[in-house]
C-alpha atoms as a PDB file:
ATOM      1  CA  MET A   1     -27.164  42.737 -40.853  1.00  0.00           C
ATOM      2  CA  SER A   2     -29.384  43.992 -38.049  1.00  0.00           C
ATOM      3  CA  PHE A   3     -29.092  42.909 -34.418  1.00  0.00           C
ATOM      4  CA  VAL A   4     -32.029  40.561 -34.617  1.00  0.00           C
ATOM      5  CA  GLY A   5     -30.875  39.006 -37.825  1.00  0.00           C
ATOM      6  CA  THR A   6     -27.352  38.332 -36.280  1.00  0.00           C
ATOM      7  CA  ILE A   7     -29.090  36.666 -33.200  1.00  0.00           C
ATOM      8  CA  ALA A   8     -31.400  34.748 -35.323  1.00  0.00           C
ATOM      9  CA  GLY A   9     -28.529  33.472 -37.560  1.00  0.00           C
ATOM     10  CA  TRP A  10     -26.528  32.249 -34.556  1.00  0.00           C
ATOM     11  CA  VAL A  11     -29.564  30.537 -32.998  1.00  0.00           C
ATOM     12  CA  PHE A  12     -30.582  28.841 -36.212  1.00  0.00           C
ATOM     13  CA  SER A  13     -27.033  27.902 -36.989  1.00  0.00           C
ATOM     14  CA  PHE A  14     -26.566  26.288 -33.536  1.00  0.00           C
ATOM     15  CA  LEU A  15     -29.809  24.258 -33.878  1.00  0.00           C
ATOM     16  CA  PHE A  16     -29.024  23.206 -37.398  1.00  0.00           C
ATOM     17  CA  GLY A  17     -25.601  22.382 -36.405  1.00  0.00           C
ATOM     18  CA  LEU A  18     -26.852  20.024 -33.589  1.00  0.00           C
ATOM     19  CA  LEU A  19     -29.186  18.370 -36.117  1.00  0.00           C
ATOM     20  CA  ALA A  20     -26.299  18.008 -38.626  1.00  0.00           C
ATOM     21  CA  ILE A  21     -24.254  16.199 -35.824  1.00  0.00           C
ATOM     22  CA  SER A  22     -27.109  13.934 -35.105  1.00  0.00           C
ATOM     23  CA  MET A  23     -27.497  13.147 -38.937  1.00  0.00           C
ATOM     24  CA  VAL A  24     -23.761  12.197 -39.044  1.00  0.00           C
ATOM     25  CA  PHE A  25     -24.009   9.898 -36.082  1.00  0.00           C
ATOM     26  CA  THR A  26     -27.033   8.179 -37.611  1.00  0.00           C
ATOM     27  CA  GLY A  27     -25.297   7.759 -40.875  1.00  0.00           C
ATOM     28  CA  ASN A  28     -27.387  10.245 -42.942  1.00  0.00           C
ATOM     29  CA  TYR A  29     -24.419  11.985 -44.592  1.00  0.00           C
ATOM     30  CA  LEU A  30     -26.543  13.510 -47.387  1.00  0.00           C
ATOM     31  CA  ASN A  31     -28.872  15.203 -44.982  1.00  0.00           C
ATOM     32  CA  ALA A  32     -25.954  16.283 -42.858  1.00  0.00           C
ATOM     33  CA  PHE A  33     -24.332  17.980 -46.044  1.00  0.00           C
ATOM     34  CA  ILE A  34     -27.778  19.748 -46.792  1.00  0.00           C
ATOM     35  CA  LEU A  35     -27.723  20.985 -43.184  1.00  0.00           C
ATOM     36  CA  LEU A  36     -24.153  22.288 -43.549  1.00  0.00           C
ATOM     37  CA  ILE A  37     -25.013  24.311 -46.489  1.00  0.00           C
ATOM     38  CA  ILE A  38     -27.957  25.836 -44.520  1.00  0.00           C
ATOM     39  CA  ILE A  39     -25.600  26.616 -41.705  1.00  0.00           C
ATOM     40  CA  LEU A  40     -23.059  28.315 -44.071  1.00  0.00           C
ATOM     41  CA  LEU A  41     -25.957  30.357 -45.482  1.00  0.00           C
ATOM     42  CA  SER A  42     -27.270  31.563 -41.982  1.00  0.00           C
ATOM     43  CA  VAL A  43     -24.161  31.972 -39.866  1.00  0.00           C
ATOM     44  CA  PRO A  44     -23.179  35.705 -39.483  1.00  0.00           C
ATOM     45  CA  PRO A  45     -19.294  35.454 -39.833  1.00  0.00           C
ATOM     46  CA  ILE A  46     -19.673  33.651 -43.070  1.00  0.00           C
ATOM     47  CA  TYR A  47     -21.785  36.639 -44.349  1.00  0.00           C
ATOM     48  CA  SER A  48     -18.948  38.948 -43.288  1.00  0.00           C
ATOM     49  CA  PHE A  49     -16.332  36.764 -44.960  1.00  0.00           C
ATOM     50  CA  ILE A  50     -18.218  36.601 -48.272  1.00  0.00           C
ATOM     51  CA  LYS A  51     -18.785  40.348 -48.252  1.00  0.00           C
ATOM     52  CA  ALA A  52     -15.146  41.121 -47.649  1.00  0.00           C
ATOM     53  CA  TYR A  53     -13.849  38.423 -50.216  1.00  0.00           C
ATOM     54  CA  PHE A  54     -16.285  38.908 -52.987  1.00  0.00           C
ATOM     55  CA  GLY A  55     -17.369  42.495 -52.328  1.00  0.00           C
ATOM     56  CA  ARG A  56     -21.094  41.484 -52.385  1.00  0.00           C
ATOM     57  CA  VAL A  57     -23.583  39.213 -50.740  1.00  0.00           C
ATOM     58  CA  LEU A  58     -26.860  37.390 -51.406  1.00  0.00           C
ATOM     59  CA  ASN A  59     -29.813  39.590 -50.453  1.00  0.00           C
ATOM     60  CA  THR A  60     -32.045  38.317 -47.597  1.00  0.00           C
ATOM     61  CA  PHE A  61     -34.900  37.225 -49.807  1.00  0.00           C
ATOM     62  CA  THR A  62     -32.453  34.995 -51.870  1.00  0.00           C
ATOM     63  CA  LYS A  63     -30.934  33.516 -48.700  1.00  0.00           C
ATOM     64  CA  LEU A  64     -34.196  32.760 -47.127  1.00  0.00           C
ATOM     65  CA  THR A  65     -35.588  31.102 -50.418  1.00  0.00           C
ATOM     66  CA  LEU A  66     -32.316  28.977 -50.628  1.00  0.00           C
ATOM     67  CA  ILE A  67     -32.672  27.946 -47.027  1.00  0.00           C
ATOM     68  CA  LEU A  68     -36.303  27.019 -47.389  1.00  0.00           C
ATOM     69  CA  VAL A  69     -35.692  25.108 -50.535  1.00  0.00           C
ATOM     70  CA  LEU A  70     -32.893  23.155 -48.845  1.00  0.00           C
ATOM     71  CA  LEU A  71     -35.106  22.566 -45.892  1.00  0.00           C
ATOM     72  CA  VAL A  72     -37.938  21.073 -48.171  1.00  0.00           C
ATOM     73  CA  VAL A  73     -35.177  18.847 -49.827  1.00  0.00           C
ATOM     74  CA  PHE A  74     -33.969  17.780 -46.200  1.00  0.00           C
ATOM     75  CA  VAL A  75     -37.386  16.788 -45.225  1.00  0.00           C
ATOM     76  CA  TYR A  76     -38.104  15.035 -48.424  1.00  0.00           C
ATOM     77  CA  LEU A  77     -35.004  12.913 -48.027  1.00  0.00           C
ATOM     78  CA  LEU A  78     -36.037  12.055 -44.423  1.00  0.00           C
ATOM     79  CA  VAL A  79     -39.458  11.110 -45.302  1.00  0.00           C
ATOM     80  CA  SER A  80     -38.641   9.142 -48.544  1.00  0.00           C
ATOM     81  CA  LYS A  81     -36.274   6.630 -46.715  1.00  0.00           C
ATOM     82  CA  GLU A  82     -37.530   3.170 -45.989  1.00  0.00           C
ATOM     83  CA  ALA A  83     -38.638   2.732 -42.393  1.00  0.00           C
ATOM     84  CA  THR A  84     -36.216   0.707 -40.552  1.00  0.00           C
ATOM     85  CA  SER A  85     -37.121   1.375 -36.989  1.00  0.00           C
ATOM     86  CA  ILE A  86     -38.145  -1.540 -34.682  1.00  0.00           C
ATOM     87  CA  TYR A  87     -41.235   0.435 -33.807  1.00  0.00           C
ATOM     88  CA  ASN A  88     -42.937   0.273 -37.304  1.00  0.00           C
END
């Protein structure tokens, strides 16, 4: 991975990690699980571990496609829930 890709992987992993923690605290466990998968796809040490263990990795296009599909599922799950806020 390039230097920019490594830095971007850490930044996105950190942001998605914070979002996953907030999902756990609010009781949205399915959304937190989806974010955990996104974190595993984007954090650089996992990339190195998979390469060492399996001998090959997903190419960048496949990883980005999987991350985008999981983000769409995440947003769909957030939007499709019934509104329970006192502000509605």
